[in-house]
Amino acid sequence: MLTVARWRLRSASGVRIYELMKALRVLVIEDDALIAMLLSELLASMGHDVCATAASEAEAVIAASRYRPDLLIVDSGLRQGNGVSAVEEILRARQIAYMFISGDAAGVQTRKPDAIVVRKPFGETELARAIDMALATARPLKV
């Protein structure tokens, strides 16, 4: 797979800085089809590749194994299963960066206190910041 680098505009204290950021393969785990589509479009506009979307816990585990994404973006509440449980199952097989998007941030942090959570609704800035944090805190799997 060819990985494309992209430039991202950062604004810090009114100063604009360009930085090079690697395009990520992202698995979106979201049971609301409209939100999954909008999130996928936003990620694509940011230069990332959404390798798959999954609407249930079981689909998420299968998709993570099949597509080997760089990042999971997960809704905690799924109609079939649970996003937190899906992440825990995926992490048993392979270490991967992840973050949650949820209307219930407190509920996610009760189950996973160290989780990065973006509260719905959100904008591109919050999403980009959370992605950076998720990548920075991802730990390699101990062998």
C-alpha atoms as a PDB file:
ATOM      1  CA  MET A   1       0.000   0.000   0.000  1.00  0.00           C
ATOM      2  CA  LEU A   2       1.237   3.450  -0.884  1.00  0.00           C
ATOM      3  CA  THR A   3       1.052   5.875   2.009  1.00  0.00           C
ATOM      4  CA  VAL A   4       0.568   9.478   1.019  1.00  0.00           C
ATOM      5  CA  ALA A   5       1.836  12.263   3.206  1.00  0.00           C
ATOM      6  CA  ARG A   6      -0.133  15.467   3.428  1.00  0.00           C
ATOM      7  CA  TRP A   7       0.275  18.965   4.779  1.00  0.00           C
ATOM      8  CA  ARG A   8      -1.938  20.088   7.620  1.00  0.00           C
ATOM      9  CA  LEU A   9      -2.463  23.654   8.703  1.00  0.00           C
ATOM     10  CA  ARG A  10      -1.978  24.297  12.412  1.00  0.00           C
ATOM     11  CA  SER A  11      -2.853  27.512  14.141  1.00  0.00           C
ATOM     12  CA  ALA A  12      -1.188  28.179  17.478  1.00  0.00           C
ATOM     13  CA  SER A  13      -1.495  31.603  19.073  1.00  0.00           C
ATOM     14  CA  GLY A  14      -2.491  33.084  15.732  1.00  0.00           C
ATOM     15  CA  VAL A  15       0.620  31.735  13.975  1.00  0.00           C
ATOM     16  CA  ARG A  16       0.007  29.370  11.092  1.00  0.00           C
ATOM     17  CA  ILE A  17       2.388  26.466  10.742  1.00  0.00           C
ATOM     18  CA  TYR A  18       2.386  23.712   8.147  1.00  0.00           C
ATOM     19  CA  GLU A  19       3.414  20.244   9.238  1.00  0.00           C
ATOM     20  CA  LEU A  20       3.749  16.993   7.397  1.00  0.00           C
ATOM     21  CA  MET A  21       1.393  14.270   8.613  1.00  0.00           C
ATOM     22  CA  LYS A  22       1.156  10.677   7.466  1.00  0.00           C
ATOM     23  CA  ALA A  23      -2.165   9.621   5.971  1.00  0.00           C
ATOM     24  CA  LEU A  24      -3.739   6.986   8.215  1.00  0.00           C
ATOM     25  CA  ARG A  25      -5.828   3.913   7.453  1.00  0.00           C
ATOM     26  CA  VAL A  26      -8.841   4.353   9.715  1.00  0.00           C
ATOM     27  CA  LEU A  27     -11.533   1.901  10.770  1.00  0.00           C
ATOM     28  CA  VAL A  28     -14.722   3.755  11.721  1.00  0.00           C
ATOM     29  CA  ILE A  29     -16.909   1.833  14.179  1.00  0.00           C
ATOM     30  CA  GLU A  30     -20.297   3.566  14.209  1.00  0.00           C
ATOM     31  CA  ASP A  31     -23.806   2.098  14.016  1.00  0.00           C
ATOM     32  CA  ASP A  32     -25.497   5.239  12.671  1.00  0.00           C
ATOM     33  CA  ALA A  33     -24.953   5.070   8.892  1.00  0.00           C
ATOM     34  CA  LEU A  34     -25.283   8.829   8.397  1.00  0.00           C
ATOM     35  CA  ILE A  35     -22.718   9.639  11.101  1.00  0.00           C
ATOM     36  CA  ALA A  36     -20.359   6.961   9.722  1.00  0.00           C
ATOM     37  CA  MET A  37     -20.654   8.486   6.239  1.00  0.00           C
ATOM     38  CA  LEU A  38     -20.102  12.062   7.458  1.00  0.00           C
ATOM     39  CA  LEU A  39     -17.143  11.017   9.613  1.00  0.00           C
ATOM     40  CA  SER A  40     -15.643   9.095   6.675  1.00  0.00           C
ATOM     41  CA  GLU A  41     -15.974  12.167   4.445  1.00  0.00           C
ATOM     42  CA  LEU A  42     -14.390  14.391   7.099  1.00  0.00           C
ATOM     43  CA  LEU A  43     -11.477  11.977   7.526  1.00  0.00           C
ATOM     44  CA  ALA A  44     -11.005  11.797   3.749  1.00  0.00           C
ATOM     45  CA  SER A  45     -10.954  15.615   3.548  1.00  0.00           C
ATOM     46  CA  MET A  46      -8.234  15.530   6.227  1.00  0.00           C
ATOM     47  CA  GLY A  47      -6.181  13.225   3.991  1.00  0.00           C
ATOM     48  CA  HIS A  48      -6.898   9.907   5.693  1.00  0.00           C
ATOM     49  CA  ASP A  49      -8.136   6.654   4.155  1.00  0.00           C
ATOM     50  CA  VAL A  50     -11.192   5.037   5.748  1.00  0.00           C
ATOM     51  CA  CYS A  51     -10.395   1.400   5.032  1.00  0.00           C
ATOM     52  CA  ALA A  52     -13.751   0.170   6.397  1.00  0.00           C
ATOM     53  CA  THR A  53     -16.741   0.998   8.550  1.00  0.00           C
ATOM     54  CA  ALA A  54     -18.358  -1.378  11.014  1.00  0.00           C
ATOM     55  CA  ALA A  55     -21.764  -1.070  12.655  1.00  0.00           C
ATOM     56  CA  SER A  56     -21.507  -3.786  15.325  1.00  0.00           C
ATOM     57  CA  GLU A  57     -18.967  -5.160  17.764  1.00  0.00           C
ATOM     58  CA  ALA A  58     -18.557  -8.384  15.763  1.00  0.00           C
ATOM     59  CA  GLU A  59     -18.108  -6.507  12.448  1.00  0.00           C
ATOM     60  CA  ALA A  60     -15.509  -4.257  14.095  1.00  0.00           C
ATOM     61  CA  VAL A  61     -13.378  -7.167  15.304  1.00  0.00           C
ATOM     62  CA  ILE A  62     -13.497  -8.838  11.873  1.00  0.00           C
ATOM     63  CA  ALA A  63     -12.738  -5.574  10.017  1.00  0.00           C
ATOM     64  CA  ALA A  64      -9.768  -4.766  12.290  1.00  0.00           C
ATOM     65  CA  SER A  65      -8.290  -8.191  11.592  1.00  0.00           C
ATOM     66  CA  ARG A  66      -8.931  -7.996   7.853  1.00  0.00           C
ATOM     67  CA  TYR A  67      -7.884  -4.394   7.119  1.00  0.00           C
ATOM     68  CA  ARG A  68      -5.218  -3.824   9.822  1.00  0.00           C
ATOM     69  CA  PRO A  69      -5.939  -0.094  10.249  1.00  0.00           C
ATOM     70  CA  ASP A  70      -3.587   2.417  11.877  1.00  0.00           C
ATOM     71  CA  LEU A  71      -6.397   3.937  13.948  1.00  0.00           C
ATOM     72  CA  LEU A  72      -9.821   3.000  15.299  1.00  0.00           C
ATOM     73  CA  ILE A  73     -12.455   5.718  15.713  1.00  0.00           C
ATOM     74  CA  VAL A  74     -15.203   4.190  17.803  1.00  0.00           C
ATOM     75  CA  ASP A  75     -18.703   5.085  18.963  1.00  0.00           C
ATOM     76  CA  SER A  76     -19.135   3.604  22.433  1.00  0.00           C
ATOM     77  CA  GLY A  77     -22.810   2.740  22.042  1.00  0.00           C
ATOM     78  CA  LEU A  78     -23.558   0.274  19.260  1.00  0.00           C
ATOM     79  CA  ARG A  79     -26.924  -1.381  18.618  1.00  0.00           C
ATOM     80  CA  GLN A  80     -25.259  -4.791  18.530  1.00  0.00           C
ATOM     81  CA  GLY A  81     -22.504  -4.966  21.099  1.00  0.00           C
ATOM     82  CA  ASN A  82     -20.430  -2.223  22.625  1.00  0.00           C
ATOM     83  CA  GLY A  83     -17.627  -0.061  21.220  1.00  0.00           C
ATOM     84  CA  VAL A  84     -15.495  -0.328  24.358  1.00  0.00           C
ATOM     85  CA  SER A  85     -15.769  -4.127  24.278  1.00  0.00           C
ATOM     86  CA  ALA A  86     -14.890  -4.121  20.571  1.00  0.00           C
ATOM     87  CA  VAL A  87     -11.707  -2.131  21.271  1.00  0.00           C
ATOM     88  CA  GLU A  88     -10.733  -4.460  24.118  1.00  0.00           C
ATOM     89  CA  GLU A  89     -11.169  -7.502  21.840  1.00  0.00           C
ATOM     90  CA  ILE A  90      -9.208  -5.898  18.991  1.00  0.00           C
ATOM     91  CA  LEU A  91      -6.358  -4.938  21.345  1.00  0.00           C
ATOM     92  CA  ARG A  92      -6.021  -8.583  22.454  1.00  0.00           C
ATOM     93  CA  ALA A  93      -4.908  -9.450  18.926  1.00  0.00           C
ATOM     94  CA  ARG A  94      -2.846  -6.369  18.066  1.00  0.00           C
ATOM     95  CA  GLN A  95      -1.903  -3.034  19.577  1.00  0.00           C
ATOM     96  CA  ILE A  96      -3.490  -0.162  17.683  1.00  0.00           C
ATOM     97  CA  ALA A  97      -4.228   3.503  18.294  1.00  0.00           C
ATOM     98  CA  TYR A  98      -7.864   4.224  19.104  1.00  0.00           C
ATOM     99  CA  MET A  99     -10.189   6.977  20.193  1.00  0.00           C
ATOM    100  CA  PHE A 100     -13.876   7.249  20.977  1.00  0.00           C
ATOM    101  CA  ILE A 101     -16.533   9.585  19.671  1.00  0.00           C
ATOM    102  CA  SER A 102     -19.522   9.579  21.969  1.00  0.00           C
ATOM    103  CA  GLY A 103     -22.348  11.572  23.441  1.00  0.00           C
ATOM    104  CA  ASP A 104     -21.537   9.823  26.739  1.00  0.00           C
ATOM    105  CA  ALA A 105     -17.883  10.657  27.403  1.00  0.00           C
ATOM    106  CA  ALA A 106     -18.244   9.981  31.136  1.00  0.00           C
ATOM    107  CA  GLY A 107     -19.564   6.476  30.463  1.00  0.00           C
ATOM    108  CA  VAL A 108     -16.594   5.669  28.239  1.00  0.00           C
ATOM    109  CA  GLN A 109     -14.093   7.017  30.758  1.00  0.00           C
ATOM    110  CA  THR A 110     -15.693   4.994  33.530  1.00  0.00           C
ATOM    111  CA  ARG A 111     -14.873   1.799  31.600  1.00  0.00           C
ATOM    112  CA  LYS A 112     -11.588   3.018  30.083  1.00  0.00           C
ATOM    113  CA  PRO A 113     -10.171   5.867  32.199  1.00  0.00           C
ATOM    114  CA  ASP A 114      -7.220   6.506  29.875  1.00  0.00           C
ATOM    115  CA  ALA A 115      -9.364   6.678  26.721  1.00  0.00           C
ATOM    116  CA  ILE A 116      -9.313   9.649  24.394  1.00  0.00           C
ATOM    117  CA  VAL A 117     -12.924  10.733  23.936  1.00  0.00           C
ATOM    118  CA  VAL A 118     -14.399  13.391  21.677  1.00  0.00           C
ATOM    119  CA  ARG A 119     -17.912  14.428  22.624  1.00  0.00           C
ATOM    120  CA  LYS A 120     -20.538  14.561  19.859  1.00  0.00           C
ATOM    121  CA  PRO A 121     -21.082  16.958  18.137  1.00  0.00           C
ATOM    122  CA  PHE A 122     -17.492  17.814  17.196  1.00  0.00           C
ATOM    123  CA  GLY A 123     -15.529  19.691  14.568  1.00  0.00           C
ATOM    124  CA  GLU A 124     -12.435  18.978  12.511  1.00  0.00           C
ATOM    125  CA  THR A 125     -10.141  20.719  15.009  1.00  0.00           C
ATOM    126  CA  GLU A 126     -11.290  18.530  17.914  1.00  0.00           C
ATOM    127  CA  LEU A 127     -11.051  15.429  15.740  1.00  0.00           C
ATOM    128  CA  ALA A 128      -7.510  16.272  14.550  1.00  0.00           C
ATOM    129  CA  ARG A 129      -6.366  16.972  18.110  1.00  0.00           C
ATOM    130  CA  ALA A 130      -7.838  13.678  19.356  1.00  0.00           C
ATOM    131  CA  ILE A 131      -6.212  11.738  16.505  1.00  0.00           C
ATOM    132  CA  ASP A 132      -2.832  13.245  17.419  1.00  0.00           C
ATOM    133  CA  MET A 133      -3.366  12.305  21.068  1.00  0.00           C
ATOM    134  CA  ALA A 134      -4.443   8.745  20.203  1.00  0.00           C
ATOM    135  CA  LEU A 135      -1.351   8.228  18.055  1.00  0.00           C
ATOM    136  CA  ALA A 136       0.919   9.709  20.735  1.00  0.00           C
ATOM    137  CA  THR A 137      -0.455   7.468  23.483  1.00  0.00           C
ATOM    138  CA  ALA A 138      -0.587   4.223  21.481  1.00  0.00           C
ATOM    139  CA  ARG A 139       1.844   1.756  23.015  1.00  0.00           C
ATOM    140  CA  PRO A 140       3.573  -1.028  21.122  1.00  0.00           C
ATOM    141  CA  LEU A 141       2.478  -4.563  21.971  1.00  0.00           C
ATOM    142  CA  LYS A 142       4.833  -6.305  24.422  1.00  0.00           C
ATOM    143  CA  VAL A 143       6.103  -9.574  23.016  1.00  0.00           C
END
